[in-house]
PDB file of N, CA and C in Angstrom:
ATOM      1  N   MET A   1       0.835  -1.184   0.000  1.00  0.00           N
ATOM      2  CA  MET A   1       0.000   0.000   0.000  1.00  0.00           C
ATOM      3  C   MET A   1       0.881   1.249   0.000  1.00  0.00           C
ATOM      4  N   VAL A   2       0.534   2.211  -0.858  1.00  0.00           N
ATOM      5  CA  VAL A   2       1.321   3.439  -0.979  1.00  0.00           C
ATOM      6  C   VAL A   2       0.987   4.383   0.171  1.00  0.00           C
ATOM      7  N   GLN A   3       2.017   4.875   0.825  1.00  0.00           N
ATOM      8  CA  GLN A   3       1.847   5.835   1.909  1.00  0.00           C
ATOM      9  C   GLN A   3       1.480   7.194   1.301  1.00  0.00           C
ATOM     10  N   THR A   4       0.425   7.821   1.800  1.00  0.00           N
ATOM     11  CA  THR A   4       0.035   9.124   1.274  1.00  0.00           C
ATOM     12  C   THR A   4       0.254  10.219   2.307  1.00  0.00           C
ATOM     13  N   LYS A   5       0.370  11.430   1.795  1.00  0.00           N
ATOM     14  CA  LYS A   5       0.483  12.632   2.610  1.00  0.00           C
ATOM     15  C   LYS A   5      -0.677  13.532   2.229  1.00  0.00           C
ATOM     16  N   GLU A   6      -0.869  14.591   2.982  1.00  0.00           N
ATOM     17  CA  GLU A   6      -1.892  15.565   2.630  1.00  0.00           C
ATOM     18  C   GLU A   6      -1.228  16.806   2.053  1.00  0.00           C
ATOM     19  N   PHE A   7      -1.870  17.333   1.019  1.00  0.00           N
ATOM     20  CA  PHE A   7      -1.393  18.536   0.337  1.00  0.00           C
ATOM     21  C   PHE A   7      -2.543  19.512   0.212  1.00  0.00           C
ATOM     22  N   MET A   8      -2.245  20.795   0.405  1.00  0.00           N
ATOM     23  CA  MET A   8      -3.262  21.819   0.250  1.00  0.00           C
ATOM     24  C   MET A   8      -3.082  22.511  -1.088  1.00  0.00           C
ATOM     25  N   LEU A   9      -4.183  22.627  -1.822  1.00  0.00           N
ATOM     26  CA  LEU A   9      -4.215  23.379  -3.059  1.00  0.00           C
ATOM     27  C   LEU A   9      -4.839  24.725  -2.721  1.00  0.00           C
ATOM     28  N   LEU A  10      -4.111  25.796  -2.953  1.00  0.00           N
ATOM     29  CA  LEU A  10      -4.594  27.141  -2.668  1.00  0.00           C
ATOM     30  C   LEU A  10      -4.968  27.795  -3.995  1.00  0.00           C
ATOM     31  N   PHE A  11      -6.194  28.283  -4.092  1.00  0.00           N
ATOM     32  CA  PHE A  11      -6.691  28.846  -5.333  1.00  0.00           C
ATOM     33  C   PHE A  11      -6.604  30.368  -5.276  1.00  0.00           C
ATOM     34  N   ARG A  12      -5.795  30.938  -6.160  1.00  0.00           N
ATOM     35  CA  ARG A  12      -5.566  32.386  -6.189  1.00  0.00           C
ATOM     36  C   ARG A  12      -6.008  32.949  -7.536  1.00  0.00           C
ATOM     37  N   TYR A  13      -6.508  34.186  -7.491  1.00  0.00           N
ATOM     38  CA  TYR A  13      -6.889  34.844  -8.733  1.00  0.00           C
ATOM     39  C   TYR A  13      -6.847  36.359  -8.556  1.00  0.00           C
ATOM     40  N   GLU A  14      -6.823  37.069  -9.681  1.00  0.00           N
ATOM     41  CA  GLU A  14      -6.850  38.529  -9.669  1.00  0.00           C
ATOM     42  C   GLU A  14      -8.284  39.003  -9.621  1.00  0.00           C
ATOM     43  N   PRO A  15      -8.633  39.785  -8.600  1.00  0.00           N
ATOM     44  CA  PRO A  15     -10.000  40.307  -8.552  1.00  0.00           C
ATOM     45  C   PRO A  15     -10.192  41.373  -9.630  1.00  0.00           C
ATOM     46  N   SER A  16     -11.405  41.462 -10.151  1.00  0.00           N
ATOM     47  CA  SER A  16     -11.701  42.445 -11.182  1.00  0.00           C
ATOM     48  C   SER A  16     -13.125  42.940 -11.022  1.00  0.00           C
ATOM     49  N   ASN A  17     -13.267  44.244 -10.878  1.00  0.00           N
ATOM     50  CA  ASN A  17     -14.605  44.839 -10.825  1.00  0.00           C
ATOM     51  C   ASN A  17     -15.220  44.918 -12.219  1.00  0.00           C
ATOM     52  N   ASP A  18     -14.378  44.822 -13.245  1.00  0.00           N
ATOM     53  CA  ASP A  18     -14.849  44.937 -14.624  1.00  0.00           C
ATOM     54  C   ASP A  18     -15.520  43.653 -15.108  1.00  0.00           C
ATOM     55  N   TYR A  19     -15.086  42.509 -14.601  1.00  0.00           N
ATOM     56  CA  TYR A  19     -15.618  41.225 -15.066  1.00  0.00           C
ATOM     57  C   TYR A  19     -16.792  40.806 -14.204  1.00  0.00           C
ATOM     58  N   GLN A  20     -17.949  40.759 -14.773  1.00  0.00           N
ATOM     59  CA  GLN A  20     -19.151  40.272 -14.103  1.00  0.00           C
ATOM     60  C   GLN A  20     -19.708  39.131 -14.939  1.00  0.00           C
ATOM     61  N   PRO A  21     -19.484  37.879 -14.512  1.00  0.00           N
ATOM     62  CA  PRO A  21     -19.934  36.739 -15.322  1.00  0.00           C
ATOM     63  C   PRO A  21     -21.457  36.701 -15.443  1.00  0.00           C
ATOM     64  N   THR A  22     -21.907  36.231 -16.571  1.00  0.00           N
ATOM     65  CA  THR A  22     -23.345  36.040 -16.782  1.00  0.00           C
ATOM     66  C   THR A  22     -23.801  34.835 -15.974  1.00  0.00           C
ATOM     67  N   GLU A  23     -25.105  34.664 -15.874  1.00  0.00           N
ATOM     68  CA  GLU A  23     -25.631  33.504 -15.152  1.00  0.00           C
ATOM     69  C   GLU A  23     -25.188  32.204 -15.814  1.00  0.00           C
ATOM     70  N   ALA A  24     -25.152  32.195 -17.143  1.00  0.00           N
ATOM     71  CA  ALA A  24     -24.707  31.001 -17.871  1.00  0.00           C
ATOM     72  C   ALA A  24     -23.242  30.699 -17.579  1.00  0.00           C
ATOM     73  N   GLN A  25     -22.409  31.744 -17.527  1.00  0.00           N
ATOM     74  CA  GLN A  25     -20.990  31.543 -17.224  1.00  0.00           C
ATOM     75  C   GLN A  25     -20.808  31.036 -15.797  1.00  0.00           C
ATOM     76  N   MET A  26     -21.598  31.563 -14.864  1.00  0.00           N
ATOM     77  CA  MET A  26     -21.507  31.106 -13.475  1.00  0.00           C
ATOM     78  C   MET A  26     -21.938  29.653 -13.363  1.00  0.00           C
ATOM     79  N   ASN A  27     -22.995  29.271 -14.086  1.00  0.00           N
ATOM     80  CA  ASN A  27     -23.434  27.868 -14.083  1.00  0.00           C
ATOM     81  C   ASN A  27     -22.359  26.960 -14.659  1.00  0.00           C
ATOM     82  N   GLU A  28     -21.716  27.414 -15.731  1.00  0.00           N
ATOM     83  CA  GLU A  28     -20.638  26.622 -16.343  1.00  0.00           C
ATOM     84  C   GLU A  28     -19.478  26.450 -15.370  1.00  0.00           C
ATOM     85  N   GLN A  29     -19.111  27.536 -14.670  1.00  0.00           N
ATOM     86  CA  GLN A  29     -18.025  27.463 -13.693  1.00  0.00           C
ATOM     87  C   GLN A  29     -18.378  26.498 -12.563  1.00  0.00           C
ATOM     88  N   GLN A  30     -19.634  26.535 -12.098  1.00  0.00           N
ATOM     89  CA  GLN A  30     -20.057  25.622 -11.031  1.00  0.00           C
ATOM     90  C   GLN A  30     -19.973  24.171 -11.495  1.00  0.00           C
ATOM     91  N   GLN A  31     -20.341  23.924 -12.742  1.00  0.00           N
ATOM     92  CA  GLN A  31     -20.250  22.561 -13.274  1.00  0.00           C
ATOM     93  C   GLN A  31     -18.799  22.110 -13.373  1.00  0.00           C
ATOM     94  N   LEU A  32     -17.918  23.015 -13.819  1.00  0.00           N
ATOM     95  CA  LEU A  32     -16.494  22.671 -13.917  1.00  0.00           C
ATOM     96  C   LEU A  32     -15.907  22.364 -12.542  1.00  0.00           C
ATOM     97  N   TRP A  33     -16.246  23.188 -11.541  1.00  0.00           N
ATOM     98  CA  TRP A  33     -15.758  22.965 -10.187  1.00  0.00           C
ATOM     99  C   TRP A  33     -16.316  21.658  -9.629  1.00  0.00           C
ATOM    100  N   GLY A  34     -17.599  21.395  -9.867  1.00  0.00           N
ATOM    101  CA  GLY A  34     -18.207  20.150  -9.402  1.00  0.00           C
ATOM    102  C   GLY A  34     -17.524  18.931  -9.998  1.00  0.00           C
ATOM    103  N   ALA A  35     -17.217  19.007 -11.293  1.00  0.00           N
ATOM    104  CA  ALA A  35     -16.536  17.885 -11.960  1.00  0.00           C
ATOM    105  C   ALA A  35     -15.116  17.722 -11.416  1.00  0.00           C
ATOM    106  N   PHE A  36     -14.420  18.827 -11.205  1.00  0.00           N
ATOM    107  CA  PHE A  36     -13.050  18.787 -10.680  1.00  0.00           C
ATOM    108  C   PHE A  36     -13.026  18.154  -9.288  1.00  0.00           C
ATOM    109  N   ILE A  37     -13.880  18.647  -8.405  1.00  0.00           N
ATOM    110  CA  ILE A  37     -13.929  18.126  -7.038  1.00  0.00           C
ATOM    111  C   ILE A  37     -14.415  16.675  -7.041  1.00  0.00           C
ATOM    112  N   GLY A  38     -15.426  16.393  -7.860  1.00  0.00           N
ATOM    113  CA  GLY A  38     -15.970  15.042  -7.936  1.00  0.00           C
ATOM    114  C   GLY A  38     -14.950  14.020  -8.410  1.00  0.00           C
ATOM    115  N   THR A  39     -14.145  14.403  -9.391  1.00  0.00           N
ATOM    116  CA  THR A  39     -13.114  13.496  -9.908  1.00  0.00           C
ATOM    117  C   THR A  39     -12.108  13.130  -8.821  1.00  0.00           C
ATOM    118  N   ILE A  40     -11.718  14.110  -8.034  1.00  0.00           N
ATOM    119  CA  ILE A  40     -10.773  13.854  -6.942  1.00  0.00           C
ATOM    120  C   ILE A  40     -11.444  13.020  -5.848  1.00  0.00           C
ATOM    121  N   ALA A  41     -12.708  13.315  -5.550  1.00  0.00           N
ATOM    122  CA  ALA A  41     -13.439  12.558  -4.521  1.00  0.00           C
ATOM    123  C   ALA A  41     -13.611  11.097  -4.928  1.00  0.00           C
ATOM    124  N   ILE A  42     -13.938  10.855  -6.193  1.00  0.00           N
ATOM    125  CA  ILE A  42     -14.120   9.477  -6.679  1.00  0.00           C
ATOM    126  C   ILE A  42     -12.839   8.661  -6.507  1.00  0.00           C
ATOM    127  N   GLN A  43     -11.693   9.326  -6.638  1.00  0.00           N
ATOM    128  CA  GLN A  43     -10.407   8.645  -6.471  1.00  0.00           C
ATOM    129  C   GLN A  43     -10.051   8.457  -4.991  1.00  0.00           C
ATOM    130  N   GLU A  44     -10.944   8.902  -4.106  1.00  0.00           N
ATOM    131  CA  GLU A  44     -10.741   8.857  -2.651  1.00  0.00           C
ATOM    132  C   GLU A  44      -9.496   9.623  -2.228  1.00  0.00           C
ATOM    133  N   LYS A  45      -9.256  10.766  -2.892  1.00  0.00           N
ATOM    134  CA  LYS A  45      -8.117  11.617  -2.574  1.00  0.00           C
ATOM    135  C   LYS A  45      -8.547  12.940  -1.941  1.00  0.00           C
ATOM    136  N   LEU A  46      -9.862  13.203  -1.880  1.00  0.00           N
ATOM    137  CA  LEU A  46     -10.359  14.464  -1.325  1.00  0.00           C
ATOM    138  C   LEU A  46     -10.449  14.382   0.192  1.00  0.00           C
ATOM    139  N   VAL A  47      -9.848  15.354   0.870  1.00  0.00           N
ATOM    140  CA  VAL A  47      -9.964  15.456   2.329  1.00  0.00           C
ATOM    141  C   VAL A  47     -10.999  16.527   2.662  1.00  0.00           C
ATOM    142  N   SER A  48     -10.843  17.729   2.083  1.00  0.00           N
ATOM    143  CA  SER A  48     -11.790  18.819   2.325  1.00  0.00           C
ATOM    144  C   SER A  48     -11.604  19.894   1.259  1.00  0.00           C
ATOM    145  N   THR A  49     -12.596  20.753   1.137  1.00  0.00           N
ATOM    146  CA  THR A  49     -12.485  21.889   0.228  1.00  0.00           C
ATOM    147  C   THR A  49     -13.345  23.022   0.758  1.00  0.00           C
ATOM    148  N   HIS A  50     -12.859  24.256   0.564  1.00  0.00           N
ATOM    149  CA  HIS A  50     -13.569  25.432   1.070  1.00  0.00           C
ATOM    150  C   HIS A  50     -13.443  26.587   0.091  1.00  0.00           C
ATOM    151  N   GLN A  51     -14.549  27.279  -0.114  1.00  0.00           N
ATOM    152  CA  GLN A  51     -14.523  28.538  -0.849  1.00  0.00           C
ATOM    153  C   GLN A  51     -14.541  29.632   0.204  1.00  0.00           C
ATOM    154  N   LEU A  52     -13.730  30.663   0.010  1.00  0.00           N
ATOM    155  CA  LEU A  52     -13.665  31.736   0.996  1.00  0.00           C
ATOM    156  C   LEU A  52     -14.622  32.858   0.629  1.00  0.00           C
ATOM    157  N   GLY A  53     -15.234  33.458   1.643  1.00  0.00           N
ATOM    158  CA  GLY A  53     -16.134  34.585   1.445  1.00  0.00           C
ATOM    159  C   GLY A  53     -15.368  35.869   1.165  1.00  0.00           C
ATOM    160  N   PHE A  54     -16.105  36.945   0.991  1.00  0.00           N
ATOM    161  CA  PHE A  54     -15.496  38.226   0.625  1.00  0.00           C
ATOM    162  C   PHE A  54     -15.433  39.208   1.788  1.00  0.00           C
ATOM    163  N   GLU A  55     -15.748  38.753   2.986  1.00  0.00           N
ATOM    164  CA  GLU A  55     -15.604  39.597   4.170  1.00  0.00           C
ATOM    165  C   GLU A  55     -14.556  38.976   5.075  1.00  0.00           C
ATOM    166  N   GLY A  56     -13.795  39.818   5.736  1.00  0.00           N
ATOM    167  CA  GLY A  56     -12.788  39.306   6.646  1.00  0.00           C
ATOM    168  C   GLY A  56     -12.072  40.432   7.352  1.00  0.00           C
ATOM    169  N   ASN A  57     -11.182  40.070   8.243  1.00  0.00           N
ATOM    170  CA  ASN A  57     -10.346  41.023   8.960  1.00  0.00           C
ATOM    171  C   ASN A  57      -8.909  40.556   8.912  1.00  0.00           C
ATOM    172  N   GLN A  58      -8.011  41.534   8.917  1.00  0.00           N
ATOM    173  CA  GLN A  58      -6.583  41.247   9.020  1.00  0.00           C
ATOM    174  C   GLN A  58      -6.115  41.759  10.381  1.00  0.00           C
ATOM    175  N   ILE A  59      -5.399  40.945  11.119  1.00  0.00           N
ATOM    176  CA  ILE A  59      -4.899  41.323  12.435  1.00  0.00           C
ATOM    177  C   ILE A  59      -3.388  41.413  12.344  1.00  0.00           C
ATOM    178  N   PHE A  60      -2.846  42.528  12.792  1.00  0.00           N
ATOM    179  CA  PHE A  60      -1.421  42.805  12.664  1.00  0.00           C
ATOM    180  C   PHE A  60      -0.698  42.589  13.992  1.00  0.00           C
ATOM    181  N   PRO A  61       0.652  42.523  13.968  1.00  0.00           N
ATOM    182  CA  PRO A  61       1.404  42.224  15.195  1.00  0.00           C
ATOM    183  C   PRO A  61       1.093  43.157  16.364  1.00  0.00           C
ATOM    184  N   ASP A  62       0.718  44.415  16.079  1.00  0.00           N
ATOM    185  CA  ASP A  62       0.394  45.336  17.173  1.00  0.00           C
ATOM    186  C   ASP A  62      -1.069  45.225  17.605  1.00  0.00           C
ATOM    187  N   LYS A  63      -1.748  44.173  17.135  1.00  0.00           N
ATOM    188  CA  LYS A  63      -3.138  43.852  17.472  1.00  0.00           C
ATOM    189  C   LYS A  63      -4.158  44.768  16.796  1.00  0.00           C
ATOM    190  N   THR A  64      -3.721  45.661  15.912  1.00  0.00           N
ATOM    191  CA  THR A  64      -4.690  46.457  15.166  1.00  0.00           C
ATOM    192  C   THR A  64      -5.392  45.558  14.159  1.00  0.00           C
ATOM    193  N   VAL A  65      -6.605  45.946  13.828  1.00  0.00           N
ATOM    194  CA  VAL A  65      -7.434  45.164  12.917  1.00  0.00           C
ATOM    195  C   VAL A  65      -7.823  46.044  11.732  1.00  0.00           C
ATOM    196  N   LYS A  66      -7.675  45.483  10.554  1.00  0.00           N
ATOM    197  CA  LYS A  66      -8.075  46.170   9.323  1.00  0.00           C
ATOM    198  C   LYS A  66      -9.128  45.308   8.642  1.00  0.00           C
ATOM    199  N   GLN A  67     -10.259  45.904   8.291  1.00  0.00           N
ATOM    200  CA  GLN A  67     -11.293  45.151   7.593  1.00  0.00           C
ATOM    201  C   GLN A  67     -10.816  44.813   6.189  1.00  0.00           C
ATOM    202  N   GLY A  68     -11.209  43.641   5.725  1.00  0.00           N
ATOM    203  CA  GLY A  68     -10.850  43.221   4.374  1.00  0.00           C
ATOM    204  C   GLY A  68      -9.913  42.033   4.408  1.00  0.00           C
ATOM    205  N   PHE A  69      -9.438  41.680   3.243  1.00  0.00           N
ATOM    206  CA  PHE A  69      -8.545  40.533   3.126  1.00  0.00           C
ATOM    207  C   PHE A  69      -7.287  40.956   2.384  1.00  0.00           C
ATOM    208  N   CYS A  70      -6.297  40.114   2.467  1.00  0.00           N
ATOM    209  CA  CYS A  70      -4.986  40.411   1.906  1.00  0.00           C
ATOM    210  C   CYS A  70      -4.993  40.216   0.386  1.00  0.00           C
ATOM    211  N   ILE A  71      -4.492  41.225  -0.306  1.00  0.00           N
ATOM    212  CA  ILE A  71      -4.253  41.118  -1.741  1.00  0.00           C
ATOM    213  C   ILE A  71      -2.746  41.212  -1.915  1.00  0.00           C
ATOM    214  N   ALA A  72      -2.141  40.121  -2.374  1.00  0.00           N
ATOM    215  CA  ALA A  72      -0.698  40.065  -2.566  1.00  0.00           C
ATOM    216  C   ALA A  72      -0.403  39.821  -4.039  1.00  0.00           C
ATOM    217  N   GLU A  73       0.491  40.595  -4.581  1.00  0.00           N
ATOM    218  CA  GLU A  73       0.838  40.490  -5.997  1.00  0.00           C
ATOM    219  C   GLU A  73      -0.414  40.535  -6.860  1.00  0.00           C
ATOM    220  N   ASN A  74      -1.360  41.391  -6.458  1.00  0.00           N
ATOM    221  CA  ASN A  74      -2.607  41.618  -7.187  1.00  0.00           C
ATOM    222  C   ASN A  74      -3.507  40.385  -7.227  1.00  0.00           C
ATOM    223  N   GLN A  75      -3.314  39.446  -6.300  1.00  0.00           N
ATOM    224  CA  GLN A  75      -4.134  38.241  -6.258  1.00  0.00           C
ATOM    225  C   GLN A  75      -4.731  38.064  -4.871  1.00  0.00           C
ATOM    226  N   ILE A  76      -5.919  37.443  -4.835  1.00  0.00           N
ATOM    227  CA  ILE A  76      -6.524  37.084  -3.560  1.00  0.00           C
ATOM    228  C   ILE A  76      -6.645  35.564  -3.484  1.00  0.00           C
ATOM    229  N   LEU A  77      -6.733  35.085  -2.275  1.00  0.00           N
ATOM    230  CA  LEU A  77      -6.940  33.660  -2.033  1.00  0.00           C
ATOM    231  C   LEU A  77      -8.439  33.417  -2.044  1.00  0.00           C
ATOM    232  N   GLY A  78      -8.918  32.597  -2.983  1.00  0.00           N
ATOM    233  CA  GLY A  78     -10.346  32.367  -3.137  1.00  0.00           C
ATOM    234  C   GLY A  78     -10.845  31.112  -2.457  1.00  0.00           C
ATOM    235  N   GLY A  79      -9.944  30.189  -2.142  1.00  0.00           N
ATOM    236  CA  GLY A  79     -10.363  28.952  -1.497  1.00  0.00           C
ATOM    237  C   GLY A  79      -9.222  27.972  -1.418  1.00  0.00           C
ATOM    238  N   ASN A  80      -9.539  26.778  -0.921  1.00  0.00           N
ATOM    239  CA  ASN A  80      -8.506  25.755  -0.797  1.00  0.00           C
ATOM    240  C   ASN A  80      -9.130  24.375  -0.850  1.00  0.00           C
ATOM    241  N   MET A  81      -8.290  23.417  -1.058  1.00  0.00           N
ATOM    242  CA  MET A  81      -8.690  22.016  -1.064  1.00  0.00           C
ATOM    243  C   MET A  81      -7.535  21.228  -0.464  1.00  0.00           C
ATOM    244  N   VAL A  82      -7.846  20.257   0.372  1.00  0.00           N
ATOM    245  CA  VAL A  82      -6.820  19.358   0.892  1.00  0.00           C
ATOM    246  C   VAL A  82      -7.040  18.006   0.231  1.00  0.00           C
ATOM    247  N   VAL A  83      -5.957  17.469  -0.337  1.00  0.00           N
ATOM    248  CA  VAL A  83      -6.018  16.179  -1.029  1.00  0.00           C
ATOM    249  C   VAL A  83      -4.983  15.231  -0.449  1.00  0.00           C
ATOM    250  N   ARG A  84      -5.206  13.937  -0.655  1.00  0.00           N
ATOM    251  CA  ARG A  84      -4.227  12.916  -0.300  1.00  0.00           C
ATOM    252  C   ARG A  84      -3.493  12.514  -1.564  1.00  0.00           C
ATOM    253  N   ALA A  85      -2.189  12.440  -1.479  1.00  0.00           N
ATOM    254  CA  ALA A  85      -1.386  12.024  -2.631  1.00  0.00           C
ATOM    255  C   ALA A  85      -0.090  11.411  -2.119  1.00  0.00           C
ATOM    256  N   ALA A  86       0.534  10.612  -2.960  1.00  0.00           N
ATOM    257  CA  ALA A  86       1.785   9.955  -2.589  1.00  0.00           C
ATOM    258  C   ALA A  86       2.960  10.926  -2.604  1.00  0.00           C
ATOM    259  N   SER A  87       2.826  12.021  -3.384  1.00  0.00           N
ATOM    260  CA  SER A  87       3.954  12.942  -3.515  1.00  0.00           C
ATOM    261  C   SER A  87       3.457  14.324  -3.951  1.00  0.00           C
ATOM    262  N   LEU A  88       4.339  15.288  -3.850  1.00  0.00           N
ATOM    263  CA  LEU A  88       4.050  16.636  -4.339  1.00  0.00           C
ATOM    264  C   LEU A  88       3.744  16.595  -5.831  1.00  0.00           C
ATOM    265  N   ASP A  89       4.468  15.772  -6.569  1.00  0.00           N
ATOM    266  CA  ASP A  89       4.230  15.656  -8.014  1.00  0.00           C
ATOM    267  C   ASP A  89       2.824  15.146  -8.311  1.00  0.00           C
ATOM    268  N   GLU A  90       2.361  14.152  -7.553  1.00  0.00           N
ATOM    269  CA  GLU A  90       1.015  13.630  -7.777  1.00  0.00           C
ATOM    270  C   GLU A  90      -0.041  14.684  -7.444  1.00  0.00           C
ATOM    271  N   ALA A  91       0.144  15.398  -6.340  1.00  0.00           N
ATOM    272  CA  ALA A  91      -0.796  16.457  -5.965  1.00  0.00           C
ATOM    273  C   ALA A  91      -0.809  17.565  -7.025  1.00  0.00           C
ATOM    274  N   THR A  92       0.353  17.866  -7.569  1.00  0.00           N
ATOM    275  CA  THR A  92       0.461  18.877  -8.625  1.00  0.00           C
ATOM    276  C   THR A  92      -0.294  18.434  -9.871  1.00  0.00           C
ATOM    277  N   GLU A  93      -0.200  17.163 -10.215  1.00  0.00           N
ATOM    278  CA  GLU A  93      -0.938  16.645 -11.375  1.00  0.00           C
ATOM    279  C   GLU A  93      -2.443  16.781 -11.162  1.00  0.00           C
ATOM    280  N   LEU A  94      -2.930  16.513  -9.944  1.00  0.00           N
ATOM    281  CA  LEU A  94      -4.351  16.683  -9.645  1.00  0.00           C
ATOM    282  C   LEU A  94      -4.763  18.145  -9.848  1.00  0.00           C
ATOM    283  N   ALA A  95      -3.903  19.058  -9.428  1.00  0.00           N
ATOM    284  CA  ALA A  95      -4.207  20.495  -9.494  1.00  0.00           C
ATOM    285  C   ALA A  95      -4.245  21.030 -10.927  1.00  0.00           C
ATOM    286  N   LYS A  96      -3.603  20.350 -11.849  1.00  0.00           N
ATOM    287  CA  LYS A  96      -3.542  20.838 -13.235  1.00  0.00           C
ATOM    288  C   LYS A  96      -4.905  20.890 -13.916  1.00  0.00           C
ATOM    289  N   ASP A  97      -5.915  20.207 -13.366  1.00  0.00           N
ATOM    290  CA  ASP A  97      -7.256  20.225 -13.947  1.00  0.00           C
ATOM    291  C   ASP A  97      -8.179  21.237 -13.257  1.00  0.00           C
ATOM    292  N   CYS A  98      -7.630  22.075 -12.396  1.00  0.00           N
ATOM    293  CA  CYS A  98      -8.435  23.011 -11.622  1.00  0.00           C
ATOM    294  C   CYS A  98      -9.047  24.098 -12.521  1.00  0.00           C
ATOM    295  N   PRO A  99     -10.348  24.354 -12.378  1.00  0.00           N
ATOM    296  CA  PRO A  99     -11.013  25.373 -13.185  1.00  0.00           C
ATOM    297  C   PRO A  99     -10.492  26.792 -12.976  1.00  0.00           C
ATOM    298  N   ILE A 100      -9.843  27.064 -11.857  1.00  0.00           N
ATOM    299  CA  ILE A 100      -9.309  28.414 -11.632  1.00  0.00           C
ATOM    300  C   ILE A 100      -8.299  28.778 -12.715  1.00  0.00           C
ATOM    301  N   LEU A 101      -7.641  27.762 -13.275  1.00  0.00           N
ATOM    302  CA  LEU A 101      -6.654  28.005 -14.335  1.00  0.00           C
ATOM    303  C   LEU A 101      -7.325  28.537 -15.599  1.00  0.00           C
ATOM    304  N   LEU A 102      -8.551  28.092 -15.866  1.00  0.00           N
ATOM    305  CA  LEU A 102      -9.300  28.572 -17.030  1.00  0.00           C
ATOM    306  C   LEU A 102      -9.734  30.022 -16.859  1.00  0.00           C
ATOM    307  N   MET A 103      -9.758  30.494 -15.608  1.00  0.00           N
ATOM    308  CA  MET A 103     -10.160  31.865 -15.300  1.00  0.00           C
ATOM    309  C   MET A 103      -8.952  32.795 -15.201  1.00  0.00           C
ATOM    310  N   GLY A 104      -7.756  32.279 -15.510  1.00  0.00           N
ATOM    311  CA  GLY A 104      -6.553  33.099 -15.408  1.00  0.00           C
ATOM    312  C   GLY A 104      -5.929  33.089 -14.027  1.00  0.00           C
ATOM    313  N   GLY A 105      -6.471  32.266 -13.130  1.00  0.00           N
ATOM    314  CA  GLY A 105      -5.923  32.170 -11.779  1.00  0.00           C
ATOM    315  C   GLY A 105      -4.804  31.152 -11.707  1.00  0.00           C
ATOM    316  N   MET A 106      -4.369  30.878 -10.501  1.00  0.00           N
ATOM    317  CA  MET A 106      -3.281  29.918 -10.292  1.00  0.00           C
ATOM    318  C   MET A 106      -3.579  29.043  -9.095  1.00  0.00           C
ATOM    319  N   VAL A 107      -2.897  27.903  -9.044  1.00  0.00           N
ATOM    320  CA  VAL A 107      -3.012  26.990  -7.907  1.00  0.00           C
ATOM    321  C   VAL A 107      -1.620  26.841  -7.298  1.00  0.00           C
ATOM    322  N   GLU A 108      -1.563  27.014  -6.002  1.00  0.00           N
ATOM    323  CA  GLU A 108      -0.320  26.756  -5.262  1.00  0.00           C
ATOM    324  C   GLU A 108      -0.532  25.444  -4.513  1.00  0.00           C
ATOM    325  N   VAL A 109       0.417  24.521  -4.611  1.00  0.00           N
ATOM    326  CA  VAL A 109       0.311  23.208  -3.969  1.00  0.00           C
ATOM    327  C   VAL A 109       1.384  23.123  -2.891  1.00  0.00           C
ATOM    328  N   ARG A 110       0.937  22.834  -1.657  1.00  0.00           N
ATOM    329  CA  ARG A 110       1.860  22.766  -0.526  1.00  0.00           C
ATOM    330  C   ARG A 110       1.549  21.551   0.324  1.00  0.00           C
ATOM    331  N   GLU A 111       2.584  20.915   0.858  1.00  0.00           N
ATOM    332  CA  GLU A 111       2.368  19.801   1.781  1.00  0.00           C
ATOM    333  C   GLU A 111       1.837  20.330   3.088  1.00  0.00           C
ATOM    334  N   VAL A 112       0.890  19.604   3.677  1.00  0.00           N
ATOM    335  CA  VAL A 112       0.315  19.968   4.968  1.00  0.00           C
ATOM    336  C   VAL A 112       1.131  19.265   6.046  1.00  0.00           C
ATOM    337  N   THR A 113       1.625  20.032   7.003  1.00  0.00           N
ATOM    338  CA  THR A 113       2.390  19.487   8.111  1.00  0.00           C
ATOM    339  C   THR A 113       1.577  19.637   9.389  1.00  0.00           C
ATOM    340  N   PRO A 114       1.221  18.542  10.030  1.00  0.00           N
ATOM    341  CA  PRO A 114       0.433  18.644  11.268  1.00  0.00           C
ATOM    342  C   PRO A 114       1.183  19.450  12.331  1.00  0.00           C
ATOM    343  N   MET A 115       0.406  20.198  13.110  1.00  0.00           N
ATOM    344  CA  MET A 115       1.006  21.014  14.181  1.00  0.00           C
ATOM    345  C   MET A 115       0.821  20.325  15.517  1.00  0.00           C
TER     346      MET A 115
END
């Protein structure tokens, strides 16, 4: 039996006030995401997945709080997925089918280390 590890796929994209998808485009995106997640789940490699909301707070070392979320390199973190895979390469291959890539976004794949 192959020993597996957990890897987190972080979904990042550039926010745009100019792009407002139509209802048909949103339905298509939901179908693509459903197929992507379903394919990983069928392989029994899905641990969890979360889409992040658009409200949040940032807390800084001096305990001050700023409303909103972090935008780094003009990208925001839109969600994540934890998968089981034998290696970083295998987890990366799973991520290559992510619909965020079709939207111009990117996926960052990182090994999860228990605390």
